[in-house]
Amino acid sequence: MIQIAESISPLELGTADMKSYKEFISESINIQGDFNGTLNIGSAPEPQRVGEEFSADFVWQGSIYRVEMVSENGLPSKSELAEQLQGEYPGAVVHNIYPAPPKNTNITKVNRYHPGKLEWI
């Protein structure tokens, strides 16, 4: 049989890690939400990009570029994306648009095409 310490009153048990009412009320808690059903309690949330992620290949001044973008209106067509790029890259021609891969995909190898050697390096 295990003996219970009789010197501690039941009111004193477990009060060491409890906060008083004044301490509880004095804490500042940040509660934020949006109309999409997201509720953030505690620290400020990290900013999140909203929309569909995609990457696109385009040619500008004889070089091939790949750009990663987020669109709020879904994937644009090649002509729509080319119009958007004309401000910074006048004369750019969009070749392909790729939707973003799923987040749980592990990319194991990436090669870059070298046009002078006519091979992937």
PDB file of N, CA and C in Angstrom:
ATOM      1  N   MET A   1       0.834  -1.173   0.000  1.00  0.00           N
ATOM      2  CA  MET A   1       0.000   0.000   0.000  1.00  0.00           C
ATOM      3  C   MET A   1       0.884   1.244   0.000  1.00  0.00           C
ATOM      4  N   ILE A   2       0.539   2.223  -0.871  1.00  0.00           N
ATOM      5  CA  ILE A   2       1.310   3.454  -0.992  1.00  0.00           C
ATOM      6  C   ILE A   2       0.664   4.502  -0.114  1.00  0.00           C
ATOM      7  N   GLN A   3       1.512   5.155   0.670  1.00  0.00           N
ATOM      8  CA  GLN A   3       1.016   6.192   1.574  1.00  0.00           C
ATOM      9  C   GLN A   3       0.935   7.528   0.842  1.00  0.00           C
ATOM     10  N   ILE A   4      -0.137   8.253   1.050  1.00  0.00           N
ATOM     11  CA  ILE A   4      -0.326   9.575   0.467  1.00  0.00           C
ATOM     12  C   ILE A   4       0.113  10.616   1.478  1.00  0.00           C
ATOM     13  N   ALA A   5       0.858  11.632   0.978  1.00  0.00           N
ATOM     14  CA  ALA A   5       1.331  12.669   1.898  1.00  0.00           C
ATOM     15  C   ALA A   5       0.136  13.437   2.426  1.00  0.00           C
ATOM     16  N   GLU A   6      -0.010  13.432   3.732  1.00  0.00           N
ATOM     17  CA  GLU A   6      -1.145  14.088   4.350  1.00  0.00           C
ATOM     18  C   GLU A   6      -0.877  15.547   4.666  1.00  0.00           C
ATOM     19  N   SER A   7       0.394  15.979   4.505  1.00  0.00           N
ATOM     20  CA  SER A   7       0.724  17.358   4.858  1.00  0.00           C
ATOM     21  C   SER A   7       0.305  18.346   3.775  1.00  0.00           C
ATOM     22  N   ILE A   8       0.003  17.871   2.574  1.00  0.00           N
ATOM     23  CA  ILE A   8      -0.390  18.773   1.492  1.00  0.00           C
ATOM     24  C   ILE A   8      -1.905  18.771   1.403  1.00  0.00           C
ATOM     25  N   SER A   9      -2.471  19.975   1.460  1.00  0.00           N
ATOM     26  CA  SER A   9      -3.925  20.056   1.372  1.00  0.00           C
ATOM     27  C   SER A   9      -4.355  19.888  -0.091  1.00  0.00           C
ATOM     28  N   PRO A  10      -5.557  19.411  -0.348  1.00  0.00           N
ATOM     29  CA  PRO A  10      -6.027  19.233  -1.731  1.00  0.00           C
ATOM     30  C   PRO A  10      -6.076  20.541  -2.512  1.00  0.00           C
ATOM     31  N   LEU A  11      -6.209  21.689  -1.867  1.00  0.00           N
ATOM     32  CA  LEU A  11      -6.256  22.967  -2.569  1.00  0.00           C
ATOM     33  C   LEU A  11      -4.891  23.387  -3.117  1.00  0.00           C
ATOM     34  N   GLU A  12      -3.804  22.902  -2.503  1.00  0.00           N
ATOM     35  CA  GLU A  12      -2.464  23.280  -2.926  1.00  0.00           C
ATOM     36  C   GLU A  12      -1.943  22.393  -4.050  1.00  0.00           C
ATOM     37  N   LEU A  13      -2.550  21.261  -4.306  1.00  0.00           N
ATOM     38  CA  LEU A  13      -2.078  20.364  -5.350  1.00  0.00           C
ATOM     39  C   LEU A  13      -2.290  20.992  -6.721  1.00  0.00           C
ATOM     40  N   GLY A  14      -1.263  21.002  -7.545  1.00  0.00           N
ATOM     41  CA  GLY A  14      -1.374  21.447  -8.917  1.00  0.00           C
ATOM     42  C   GLY A  14      -1.462  22.941  -9.124  1.00  0.00           C
ATOM     43  N   THR A  15      -1.317  23.753  -8.106  1.00  0.00           N
ATOM     44  CA  THR A  15      -1.420  25.199  -8.291  1.00  0.00           C
ATOM     45  C   THR A  15      -0.100  25.824  -8.711  1.00  0.00           C
ATOM     46  N   ALA A  16       1.003  25.093  -8.658  1.00  0.00           N
ATOM     47  CA  ALA A  16       2.306  25.663  -9.002  1.00  0.00           C
ATOM     48  C   ALA A  16       2.380  26.039 -10.481  1.00  0.00           C
ATOM     49  N   ASP A  17       1.730  25.280 -11.343  1.00  0.00           N
ATOM     50  CA  ASP A  17       1.821  25.571 -12.763  1.00  0.00           C
ATOM     51  C   ASP A  17       0.567  26.246 -13.314  1.00  0.00           C
ATOM     52  N   MET A  18      -0.326  26.647 -12.455  1.00  0.00           N
ATOM     53  CA  MET A  18      -1.529  27.345 -12.907  1.00  0.00           C
ATOM     54  C   MET A  18      -1.326  28.856 -12.807  1.00  0.00           C
ATOM     55  N   LYS A  19      -1.982  29.600 -13.702  1.00  0.00           N
ATOM     56  CA  LYS A  19      -1.901  31.052 -13.685  1.00  0.00           C
ATOM     57  C   LYS A  19      -3.066  31.602 -12.884  1.00  0.00           C
ATOM     58  N   SER A  20      -2.807  32.750 -12.282  1.00  0.00           N
ATOM     59  CA  SER A  20      -3.903  33.411 -11.593  1.00  0.00           C
ATOM     60  C   SER A  20      -4.825  34.055 -12.624  1.00  0.00           C
ATOM     61  N   TYR A  21      -5.979  34.467 -12.206  1.00  0.00           N
ATOM     62  CA  TYR A  21      -6.949  35.082 -13.104  1.00  0.00           C
ATOM     63  C   TYR A  21      -6.395  36.368 -13.699  1.00  0.00           C
ATOM     64  N   LYS A  22      -5.693  37.177 -12.890  1.00  0.00           N
ATOM     65  CA  LYS A  22      -5.125  38.427 -13.384  1.00  0.00           C
ATOM     66  C   LYS A  22      -4.032  38.167 -14.421  1.00  0.00           C
ATOM     67  N   GLU A  23      -3.201  37.143 -14.197  1.00  0.00           N
ATOM     68  CA  GLU A  23      -2.166  36.801 -15.167  1.00  0.00           C
ATOM     69  C   GLU A  23      -2.793  36.339 -16.489  1.00  0.00           C
ATOM     70  N   PHE A  24      -3.836  35.562 -16.388  1.00  0.00           N
ATOM     71  CA  PHE A  24      -4.509  35.053 -17.575  1.00  0.00           C
ATOM     72  C   PHE A  24      -5.128  36.178 -18.398  1.00  0.00           C
ATOM     73  N   ILE A  25      -5.777  37.112 -17.736  1.00  0.00           N
ATOM     74  CA  ILE A  25      -6.430  38.227 -18.425  1.00  0.00           C
ATOM     75  C   ILE A  25      -5.411  39.204 -18.999  1.00  0.00           C
ATOM     76  N   SER A  26      -4.248  39.360 -18.347  1.00  0.00           N
ATOM     77  CA  SER A  26      -3.266  40.347 -18.803  1.00  0.00           C
ATOM     78  C   SER A  26      -2.490  39.891 -20.041  1.00  0.00           C
ATOM     79  N   GLU A  27      -2.559  38.618 -20.416  1.00  0.00           N
ATOM     80  CA  GLU A  27      -1.847  38.158 -21.599  1.00  0.00           C
ATOM     81  C   GLU A  27      -2.509  38.711 -22.855  1.00  0.00           C
ATOM     82  N   SER A  28      -1.681  39.089 -23.805  1.00  0.00           N
ATOM     83  CA  SER A  28      -2.240  39.552 -25.076  1.00  0.00           C
ATOM     84  C   SER A  28      -2.248  38.382 -26.051  1.00  0.00           C
ATOM     85  N   ILE A  29      -3.373  38.161 -26.651  1.00  0.00           N
ATOM     86  CA  ILE A  29      -3.534  37.070 -27.600  1.00  0.00           C
ATOM     87  C   ILE A  29      -3.962  37.678 -28.922  1.00  0.00           C
ATOM     88  N   ASN A  30      -3.268  37.292 -29.966  1.00  0.00           N
ATOM     89  CA  ASN A  30      -3.564  37.796 -31.301  1.00  0.00           C
ATOM     90  C   ASN A  30      -4.460  36.786 -32.001  1.00  0.00           C
ATOM     91  N   ILE A  31      -5.681  37.198 -32.354  1.00  0.00           N
ATOM     92  CA  ILE A  31      -6.614  36.342 -33.076  1.00  0.00           C
ATOM     93  C   ILE A  31      -6.956  37.035 -34.380  1.00  0.00           C
ATOM     94  N   GLN A  32      -6.642  36.357 -35.499  1.00  0.00           N
ATOM     95  CA  GLN A  32      -6.920  36.913 -36.811  1.00  0.00           C
ATOM     96  C   GLN A  32      -7.629  35.856 -37.640  1.00  0.00           C
ATOM     97  N   GLY A  33      -8.416  36.304 -38.580  1.00  0.00           N
ATOM     98  CA  GLY A  33      -9.106  35.376 -39.459  1.00  0.00           C
ATOM     99  C   GLY A  33      -9.415  36.031 -40.782  1.00  0.00           C
ATOM    100  N   ASP A  34      -9.849  35.209 -41.725  1.00  0.00           N
ATOM    101  CA  ASP A  34     -10.279  35.741 -43.011  1.00  0.00           C
ATOM    102  C   ASP A  34     -11.593  35.085 -43.399  1.00  0.00           C
ATOM    103  N   PHE A  35     -12.113  35.482 -44.531  1.00  0.00           N
ATOM    104  CA  PHE A  35     -13.412  34.989 -44.967  1.00  0.00           C
ATOM    105  C   PHE A  35     -13.334  33.616 -45.619  1.00  0.00           C
ATOM    106  N   ASN A  36     -12.122  33.044 -45.702  1.00  0.00           N
ATOM    107  CA  ASN A  36     -11.959  31.707 -46.274  1.00  0.00           C
ATOM    108  C   ASN A  36     -12.007  30.620 -45.212  1.00  0.00           C
ATOM    109  N   GLY A  37     -12.239  30.991 -43.967  1.00  0.00           N
ATOM    110  CA  GLY A  37     -12.323  30.010 -42.896  1.00  0.00           C
ATOM    111  C   GLY A  37     -11.023  29.807 -42.139  1.00  0.00           C
ATOM    112  N   THR A  38      -9.995  30.608 -42.405  1.00  0.00           N
ATOM    113  CA  THR A  38      -8.720  30.478 -41.711  1.00  0.00           C
ATOM    114  C   THR A  38      -8.759  31.297 -40.433  1.00  0.00           C
ATOM    115  N   LEU A  39      -8.398  30.681 -39.330  1.00  0.00           N
ATOM    116  CA  LEU A  39      -8.352  31.362 -38.039  1.00  0.00           C
ATOM    117  C   LEU A  39      -6.972  31.165 -37.454  1.00  0.00           C
ATOM    118  N   ASN A  40      -6.260  32.260 -37.169  1.00  0.00           N
ATOM    119  CA  ASN A  40      -4.920  32.220 -36.609  1.00  0.00           C
ATOM    120  C   ASN A  40      -4.969  32.754 -35.193  1.00  0.00           C
ATOM    121  N   ILE A  41      -4.538  31.936 -34.243  1.00  0.00           N
ATOM    122  CA  ILE A  41      -4.515  32.331 -32.837  1.00  0.00           C
ATOM    123  C   ILE A  41      -3.076  32.290 -32.373  1.00  0.00           C
ATOM    124  N   GLY A  42      -2.635  33.340 -31.724  1.00  0.00           N
ATOM    125  CA  GLY A  42      -1.266  33.389 -31.218  1.00  0.00           C
ATOM    126  C   GLY A  42      -0.471  34.415 -31.987  1.00  0.00           C
ATOM    127  N   SER A  43       0.713  34.005 -32.482  1.00  0.00           N
ATOM    128  CA  SER A  43       1.589  34.937 -33.173  1.00  0.00           C
ATOM    129  C   SER A  43       1.021  35.277 -34.544  1.00  0.00           C
ATOM    130  N   ALA A  44       1.583  36.301 -35.122  1.00  0.00           N
ATOM    131  CA  ALA A  44       1.109  36.753 -36.440  1.00  0.00           C
ATOM    132  C   ALA A  44       1.396  35.676 -37.475  1.00  0.00           C
ATOM    133  N   PRO A  45       0.463  35.430 -38.371  1.00  0.00           N
ATOM    134  CA  PRO A  45       0.669  34.387 -39.374  1.00  0.00           C
ATOM    135  C   PRO A  45       1.678  34.823 -40.428  1.00  0.00           C
ATOM    136  N   GLU A  46       2.306  33.825 -41.059  1.00  0.00           N
ATOM    137  CA  GLU A  46       3.214  34.123 -42.148  1.00  0.00           C
ATOM    138  C   GLU A  46       2.385  34.460 -43.387  1.00  0.00           C
ATOM    139  N   PRO A  47       2.831  35.434 -44.172  1.00  0.00           N
ATOM    140  CA  PRO A  47       2.055  35.755 -45.371  1.00  0.00           C
ATOM    141  C   PRO A  47       2.064  34.572 -46.339  1.00  0.00           C
ATOM    142  N   GLN A  48       0.908  34.275 -46.900  1.00  0.00           N
ATOM    143  CA  GLN A  48       0.779  33.165 -47.825  1.00  0.00           C
ATOM    144  C   GLN A  48       0.337  33.680 -49.174  1.00  0.00           C
ATOM    145  N   ARG A  49       0.894  33.059 -50.210  1.00  0.00           N
ATOM    146  CA  ARG A  49       0.477  33.408 -51.558  1.00  0.00           C
ATOM    147  C   ARG A  49      -0.814  32.651 -51.857  1.00  0.00           C
ATOM    148  N   VAL A  50      -1.760  33.364 -52.399  1.00  0.00           N
ATOM    149  CA  VAL A  50      -3.038  32.762 -52.737  1.00  0.00           C
ATOM    150  C   VAL A  50      -3.146  32.702 -54.247  1.00  0.00           C
ATOM    151  N   GLY A  51      -3.425  31.530 -54.771  1.00  0.00           N
ATOM    152  CA  GLY A  51      -3.572  31.364 -56.208  1.00  0.00           C
ATOM    153  C   GLY A  51      -2.892  30.100 -56.666  1.00  0.00           C
ATOM    154  N   GLU A  52      -2.839  29.936 -57.974  1.00  0.00           N
ATOM    155  CA  GLU A  52      -2.247  28.738 -58.564  1.00  0.00           C
ATOM    156  C   GLU A  52      -0.815  29.031 -58.975  1.00  0.00           C
ATOM    157  N   GLU A  53       0.103  28.173 -58.531  1.00  0.00           N
ATOM    158  CA  GLU A  53       1.514  28.345 -58.856  1.00  0.00           C
ATOM    159  C   GLU A  53       1.809  27.667 -60.186  1.00  0.00           C
ATOM    160  N   PHE A  54       2.674  28.293 -60.966  1.00  0.00           N
ATOM    161  CA  PHE A  54       3.094  27.695 -62.225  1.00  0.00           C
ATOM    162  C   PHE A  54       4.455  28.252 -62.607  1.00  0.00           C
ATOM    163  N   SER A  55       5.108  27.591 -63.528  1.00  0.00           N
ATOM    164  CA  SER A  55       6.349  28.106 -64.088  1.00  0.00           C
ATOM    165  C   SER A  55       6.187  28.139 -65.604  1.00  0.00           C
ATOM    166  N   ALA A  56       6.982  28.964 -66.253  1.00  0.00           N
ATOM    167  CA  ALA A  56       6.876  29.124 -67.698  1.00  0.00           C
ATOM    168  C   ALA A  56       8.264  29.358 -68.277  1.00  0.00           C
ATOM    169  N   ASP A  57       8.463  28.849 -69.493  1.00  0.00           N
ATOM    170  CA  ASP A  57       9.689  29.082 -70.251  1.00  0.00           C
ATOM    171  C   ASP A  57       9.396  30.126 -71.319  1.00  0.00           C
ATOM    172  N   PHE A  58      10.304  31.103 -71.445  1.00  0.00           N
ATOM    173  CA  PHE A  58      10.158  32.088 -72.517  1.00  0.00           C
ATOM    174  C   PHE A  58      11.531  32.461 -73.054  1.00  0.00           C
ATOM    175  N   VAL A  59      11.531  32.930 -74.279  1.00  0.00           N
ATOM    176  CA  VAL A  59      12.764  33.348 -74.945  1.00  0.00           C
ATOM    177  C   VAL A  59      12.754  34.863 -75.039  1.00  0.00           C
ATOM    178  N   TRP A  60      13.887  35.469 -74.634  1.00  0.00           N
ATOM    179  CA  TRP A  60      14.036  36.915 -74.710  1.00  0.00           C
ATOM    180  C   TRP A  60      15.474  37.228 -75.077  1.00  0.00           C
ATOM    181  N   GLN A  61      15.685  37.982 -76.104  1.00  0.00           N
ATOM    182  CA  GLN A  61      16.993  38.387 -76.617  1.00  0.00           C
ATOM    183  C   GLN A  61      17.915  37.182 -76.812  1.00  0.00           C
ATOM    184  N   GLY A  62      17.367  36.097 -77.339  1.00  0.00           N
ATOM    185  CA  GLY A  62      18.170  34.920 -77.671  1.00  0.00           C
ATOM    186  C   GLY A  62      18.483  33.998 -76.510  1.00  0.00           C
ATOM    187  N   SER A  63      17.974  34.266 -75.322  1.00  0.00           N
ATOM    188  CA  SER A  63      18.228  33.409 -74.162  1.00  0.00           C
ATOM    189  C   SER A  63      16.916  32.814 -73.664  1.00  0.00           C
ATOM    190  N   ILE A  64      16.999  31.610 -73.096  1.00  0.00           N
ATOM    191  CA  ILE A  64      15.824  30.933 -72.543  1.00  0.00           C
ATOM    192  C   ILE A  64      15.749  31.227 -71.053  1.00  0.00           C
ATOM    193  N   TYR A  65      14.592  31.658 -70.602  1.00  0.00           N
ATOM    194  CA  TYR A  65      14.365  31.971 -69.188  1.00  0.00           C
ATOM    195  C   TYR A  65      13.229  31.105 -68.654  1.00  0.00           C
ATOM    196  N   ARG A  66      13.300  30.792 -67.375  1.00  0.00           N
ATOM    197  CA  ARG A  66      12.189  30.132 -66.694  1.00  0.00           C
ATOM    198  C   ARG A  66      11.779  31.019 -65.531  1.00  0.00           C
ATOM    199  N   VAL A  67      10.486  31.318 -65.465  1.00  0.00           N
ATOM    200  CA  VAL A  67       9.947  32.185 -64.427  1.00  0.00           C
ATOM    201  C   VAL A  67       8.924  31.392 -63.632  1.00  0.00           C
ATOM    202  N   GLU A  68       8.895  31.592 -62.313  1.00  0.00           N
ATOM    203  CA  GLU A  68       7.897  30.980 -61.447  1.00  0.00           C
ATOM    204  C   GLU A  68       6.944  32.067 -60.991  1.00  0.00           C
ATOM    205  N   MET A  69       5.642  31.806 -61.110  1.00  0.00           N
ATOM    206  CA  MET A  69       4.646  32.826 -60.819  1.00  0.00           C
ATOM    207  C   MET A  69       3.474  32.226 -60.066  1.00  0.00           C
ATOM    208  N   VAL A  70       2.644  33.117 -59.501  1.00  0.00           N
ATOM    209  CA  VAL A  70       1.395  32.739 -58.858  1.00  0.00           C
ATOM    210  C   VAL A  70       0.294  33.556 -59.518  1.00  0.00           C
ATOM    211  N   SER A  71      -0.750  32.885 -59.957  1.00  0.00           N
ATOM    212  CA  SER A  71      -1.862  33.559 -60.616  1.00  0.00           C
ATOM    213  C   SER A  71      -3.125  33.358 -59.801  1.00  0.00           C
ATOM    214  N   GLU A  72      -3.854  34.432 -59.572  1.00  0.00           N
ATOM    215  CA  GLU A  72      -5.105  34.351 -58.829  1.00  0.00           C
ATOM    216  C   GLU A  72      -6.250  33.860 -59.704  1.00  0.00           C
ATOM    217  N   ASN A  73      -6.075  33.906 -61.024  1.00  0.00           N
ATOM    218  CA  ASN A  73      -7.149  33.566 -61.954  1.00  0.00           C
ATOM    219  C   ASN A  73      -6.893  32.265 -62.695  1.00  0.00           C
ATOM    220  N   GLY A  74      -6.089  31.355 -62.158  1.00  0.00           N
ATOM    221  CA  GLY A  74      -5.769  30.109 -62.848  1.00  0.00           C
ATOM    222  C   GLY A  74      -4.603  30.293 -63.798  1.00  0.00           C
ATOM    223  N   LEU A  75      -4.309  29.242 -64.566  1.00  0.00           N
ATOM    224  CA  LEU A  75      -3.195  29.304 -65.507  1.00  0.00           C
ATOM    225  C   LEU A  75      -3.545  30.210 -66.680  1.00  0.00           C
ATOM    226  N   PRO A  76      -2.646  31.140 -67.010  1.00  0.00           N
ATOM    227  CA  PRO A  76      -2.900  31.988 -68.176  1.00  0.00           C
ATOM    228  C   PRO A  76      -2.542  31.243 -69.468  1.00  0.00           C
ATOM    229  N   SER A  77      -3.026  31.729 -70.575  1.00  0.00           N
ATOM    230  CA  SER A  77      -2.621  31.168 -71.867  1.00  0.00           C
ATOM    231  C   SER A  77      -1.251  31.740 -72.225  1.00  0.00           C
ATOM    232  N   LYS A  78      -0.641  31.175 -73.257  1.00  0.00           N
ATOM    233  CA  LYS A  78       0.675  31.661 -73.677  1.00  0.00           C
ATOM    234  C   LYS A  78       0.614  33.124 -74.103  1.00  0.00           C
ATOM    235  N   SER A  79      -0.441  33.488 -74.831  1.00  0.00           N
ATOM    236  CA  SER A  79      -0.548  34.879 -75.298  1.00  0.00           C
ATOM    237  C   SER A  79      -0.797  35.841 -74.133  1.00  0.00           C
ATOM    238  N   GLU A  80      -1.603  35.433 -73.131  1.00  0.00           N
ATOM    239  CA  GLU A  80      -1.849  36.291 -71.959  1.00  0.00           C
ATOM    240  C   GLU A  80      -0.564  36.513 -71.170  1.00  0.00           C
ATOM    241  N   LEU A  81       0.201  35.440 -70.981  1.00  0.00           N
ATOM    242  CA  LEU A  81       1.455  35.573 -70.244  1.00  0.00           C
ATOM    243  C   LEU A  81       2.459  36.412 -71.024  1.00  0.00           C
ATOM    244  N   ALA A  82       2.494  36.245 -72.332  1.00  0.00           N
ATOM    245  CA  ALA A  82       3.404  37.051 -73.155  1.00  0.00           C
ATOM    246  C   ALA A  82       3.072  38.531 -73.036  1.00  0.00           C
ATOM    247  N   GLU A  83       1.785  38.880 -72.985  1.00  0.00           N
ATOM    248  CA  GLU A  83       1.392  40.279 -72.813  1.00  0.00           C
ATOM    249  C   GLU A  83       1.840  40.819 -71.468  1.00  0.00           C
ATOM    250  N   GLN A  84       1.753  39.989 -70.418  1.00  0.00           N
ATOM    251  CA  GLN A  84       2.185  40.435 -69.094  1.00  0.00           C
ATOM    252  C   GLN A  84       3.693  40.637 -69.024  1.00  0.00           C
ATOM    253  N   LEU A  85       4.448  39.831 -69.761  1.00  0.00           N
ATOM    254  CA  LEU A  85       5.913  39.922 -69.726  1.00  0.00           C
ATOM    255  C   LEU A  85       6.464  41.074 -70.561  1.00  0.00           C
ATOM    256  N   GLN A  86       5.677  41.638 -71.463  1.00  0.00           N
ATOM    257  CA  GLN A  86       6.170  42.657 -72.385  1.00  0.00           C
ATOM    258  C   GLN A  86       6.693  43.904 -71.677  1.00  0.00           C
ATOM    259  N   GLY A  87       6.202  44.208 -70.479  1.00  0.00           N
ATOM    260  CA  GLY A  87       6.669  45.391 -69.760  1.00  0.00           C
ATOM    261  C   GLY A  87       8.141  45.305 -69.390  1.00  0.00           C
ATOM    262  N   GLU A  88       8.572  44.156 -68.869  1.00  0.00           N
ATOM    263  CA  GLU A  88       9.974  43.988 -68.465  1.00  0.00           C
ATOM    264  C   GLU A  88      10.819  43.323 -69.529  1.00  0.00           C
ATOM    265  N   TYR A  89      10.198  42.483 -70.345  1.00  0.00           N
ATOM    266  CA  TYR A  89      10.909  41.731 -71.373  1.00  0.00           C
ATOM    267  C   TYR A  89      10.243  41.968 -72.729  1.00  0.00           C
ATOM    268  N   PRO A  90      10.472  43.129 -73.350  1.00  0.00           N
ATOM    269  CA  PRO A  90       9.813  43.412 -74.623  1.00  0.00           C
ATOM    270  C   PRO A  90      10.261  42.435 -75.705  1.00  0.00           C
ATOM    271  N   GLY A  91       9.293  41.870 -76.395  1.00  0.00           N
ATOM    272  CA  GLY A  91       9.585  40.906 -77.452  1.00  0.00           C
ATOM    273  C   GLY A  91       9.700  39.474 -76.958  1.00  0.00           C
ATOM    274  N   ALA A  92       9.400  39.211 -75.682  1.00  0.00           N
ATOM    275  CA  ALA A  92       9.497  37.855 -75.141  1.00  0.00           C
ATOM    276  C   ALA A  92       8.458  36.953 -75.792  1.00  0.00           C
ATOM    277  N   VAL A  93       8.856  35.702 -76.054  1.00  0.00           N
ATOM    278  CA  VAL A  93       7.969  34.712 -76.645  1.00  0.00           C
ATOM    279  C   VAL A  93       7.851  33.546 -75.662  1.00  0.00           C
ATOM    280  N   VAL A  94       6.635  33.254 -75.207  1.00  0.00           N
ATOM    281  CA  VAL A  94       6.407  32.181 -74.251  1.00  0.00           C
ATOM    282  C   VAL A  94       6.350  30.855 -74.992  1.00  0.00           C
ATOM    283  N   HIS A  95       7.150  29.879 -74.528  1.00  0.00           N
ATOM    284  CA  HIS A  95       7.162  28.561 -75.163  1.00  0.00           C
ATOM    285  C   HIS A  95       6.249  27.578 -74.447  1.00  0.00           C
ATOM    286  N   ASN A  96       6.393  27.417 -73.148  1.00  0.00           N
ATOM    287  CA  ASN A  96       5.590  26.449 -72.397  1.00  0.00           C
ATOM    288  C   ASN A  96       5.199  27.010 -71.038  1.00  0.00           C
ATOM    289  N   ILE A  97       4.065  26.530 -70.525  1.00  0.00           N
ATOM    290  CA  ILE A  97       3.602  26.860 -69.179  1.00  0.00           C
ATOM    291  C   ILE A  97       3.396  25.544 -68.452  1.00  0.00           C
ATOM    292  N   TYR A  98       3.982  25.438 -67.258  1.00  0.00           N
ATOM    293  CA  TYR A  98       3.912  24.200 -66.487  1.00  0.00           C
ATOM    294  C   TYR A  98       3.217  24.461 -65.150  1.00  0.00           C
ATOM    295  N   PRO A  99       2.219  23.658 -64.787  1.00  0.00           N
ATOM    296  CA  PRO A  99       1.641  23.789 -63.441  1.00  0.00           C
ATOM    297  C   PRO A  99       2.675  23.344 -62.406  1.00  0.00           C
ATOM    298  N   ALA A 100       2.569  23.878 -61.204  1.00  0.00           N
ATOM    299  CA  ALA A 100       3.519  23.537 -60.141  1.00  0.00           C
ATOM    300  C   ALA A 100       3.347  22.077 -59.748  1.00  0.00           C
ATOM    301  N   PRO A 101       4.450  21.378 -59.453  1.00  0.00           N
ATOM    302  CA  PRO A 101       4.339  19.985 -59.017  1.00  0.00           C
ATOM    303  C   PRO A 101       3.741  19.911 -57.613  1.00  0.00           C
ATOM    304  N   PRO A 102       3.180  18.779 -57.233  1.00  0.00           N
ATOM    305  CA  PRO A 102       2.647  18.638 -55.871  1.00  0.00           C
ATOM    306  C   PRO A 102       3.744  18.863 -54.835  1.00  0.00           C
ATOM    307  N   LYS A 103       3.338  19.314 -53.643  1.00  0.00           N
ATOM    308  CA  LYS A 103       4.300  19.673 -52.593  1.00  0.00           C
ATOM    309  C   LYS A 103       5.094  18.468 -52.085  1.00  0.00           C
ATOM    310  N   ASN A 104       4.549  17.268 -52.175  1.00  0.00           N
ATOM    311  CA  ASN A 104       5.249  16.111 -51.614  1.00  0.00           C
ATOM    312  C   ASN A 104       6.187  15.455 -52.621  1.00  0.00           C
ATOM    313  N   THR A 105       6.448  16.108 -53.756  1.00  0.00           N
ATOM    314  CA  THR A 105       7.355  15.568 -54.764  1.00  0.00           C
ATOM    315  C   THR A 105       8.792  15.920 -54.391  1.00  0.00           C
ATOM    316  N   ASN A 106       9.660  14.916 -54.398  1.00  0.00           N
ATOM    317  CA  ASN A 106      11.076  15.135 -54.124  1.00  0.00           C
ATOM    318  C   ASN A 106      11.834  15.132 -55.446  1.00  0.00           C
ATOM    319  N   ILE A 107      12.413  16.260 -55.795  1.00  0.00           N
ATOM    320  CA  ILE A 107      13.186  16.365 -57.037  1.00  0.00           C
ATOM    321  C   ILE A 107      14.593  15.862 -56.735  1.00  0.00           C
ATOM    322  N   THR A 108      15.029  14.846 -57.479  1.00  0.00           N
ATOM    323  CA  THR A 108      16.322  14.236 -57.188  1.00  0.00           C
ATOM    324  C   THR A 108      17.429  14.716 -58.103  1.00  0.00           C
ATOM    325  N   LYS A 109      17.092  15.156 -59.317  1.00  0.00           N
ATOM    326  CA  LYS A 109      18.129  15.575 -60.248  1.00  0.00           C
ATOM    327  C   LYS A 109      17.593  16.679 -61.149  1.00  0.00           C
ATOM    328  N   VAL A 110      18.415  17.706 -61.377  1.00  0.00           N
ATOM    329  CA  VAL A 110      18.048  18.804 -62.257  1.00  0.00           C
ATOM    330  C   VAL A 110      19.195  19.022 -63.238  1.00  0.00           C
ATOM    331  N   ASN A 111      18.874  19.070 -64.525  1.00  0.00           N
ATOM    332  CA  ASN A 111      19.881  19.326 -65.558  1.00  0.00           C
ATOM    333  C   ASN A 111      19.539  20.612 -66.284  1.00  0.00           C
ATOM    334  N   ARG A 112      20.575  21.279 -66.754  1.00  0.00           N
ATOM    335  CA  ARG A 112      20.406  22.499 -67.532  1.00  0.00           C
ATOM    336  C   ARG A 112      20.916  22.226 -68.937  1.00  0.00           C
ATOM    337  N   TYR A 113      20.168  22.681 -69.925  1.00  0.00           N
ATOM    338  CA  TYR A 113      20.576  22.471 -71.306  1.00  0.00           C
ATOM    339  C   TYR A 113      21.586  23.530 -71.714  1.00  0.00           C
ATOM    340  N   HIS A 114      22.715  23.098 -72.241  1.00  0.00           N
ATOM    341  CA  HIS A 114      23.756  23.998 -72.711  1.00  0.00           C
ATOM    342  C   HIS A 114      23.733  23.992 -74.241  1.00  0.00           C
ATOM    343  N   PRO A 115      23.230  25.088 -74.874  1.00  0.00           N
ATOM    344  CA  PRO A 115      23.093  25.058 -76.336  1.00  0.00           C
ATOM    345  C   PRO A 115      24.427  25.023 -77.075  1.00  0.00           C
ATOM    346  N   GLY A 116      25.496  25.521 -76.484  1.00  0.00           N
ATOM    347  CA  GLY A 116      26.803  25.487 -77.151  1.00  0.00           C
ATOM    348  C   GLY A 116      27.350  24.082 -77.246  1.00  0.00           C
ATOM    349  N   LYS A 117      27.073  23.265 -76.246  1.00  0.00           N
ATOM    350  CA  LYS A 117      27.548  21.871 -76.252  1.00  0.00           C
ATOM    351  C   LYS A 117      26.503  20.915 -76.810  1.00  0.00           C
ATOM    352  N   LEU A 118      25.268  21.422 -77.015  1.00  0.00           N
ATOM    353  CA  LEU A 118      24.150  20.620 -77.487  1.00  0.00           C
ATOM    354  C   LEU A 118      23.889  19.414 -76.583  1.00  0.00           C
ATOM    355  N   GLU A 119      23.960  19.637 -75.280  1.00  0.00           N
ATOM    356  CA  GLU A 119      23.712  18.547 -74.335  1.00  0.00           C
ATOM    357  C   GLU A 119      23.235  19.108 -72.998  1.00  0.00           C
ATOM    358  N   TRP A 120      22.692  18.226 -72.169  1.00  0.00           N
ATOM    359  CA  TRP A 120      22.253  18.594 -70.827  1.00  0.00           C
ATOM    360  C   TRP A 120      23.427  18.456 -69.864  1.00  0.00           C
ATOM    361  N   ILE A 121      23.665  19.485 -69.057  1.00  0.00           N
ATOM    362  CA  ILE A 121      24.765  19.421 -68.088  1.00  0.00           C
ATOM    363  C   ILE A 121      24.242  19.603 -66.691  1.00  0.00           C
TER     364      ILE A 121
END
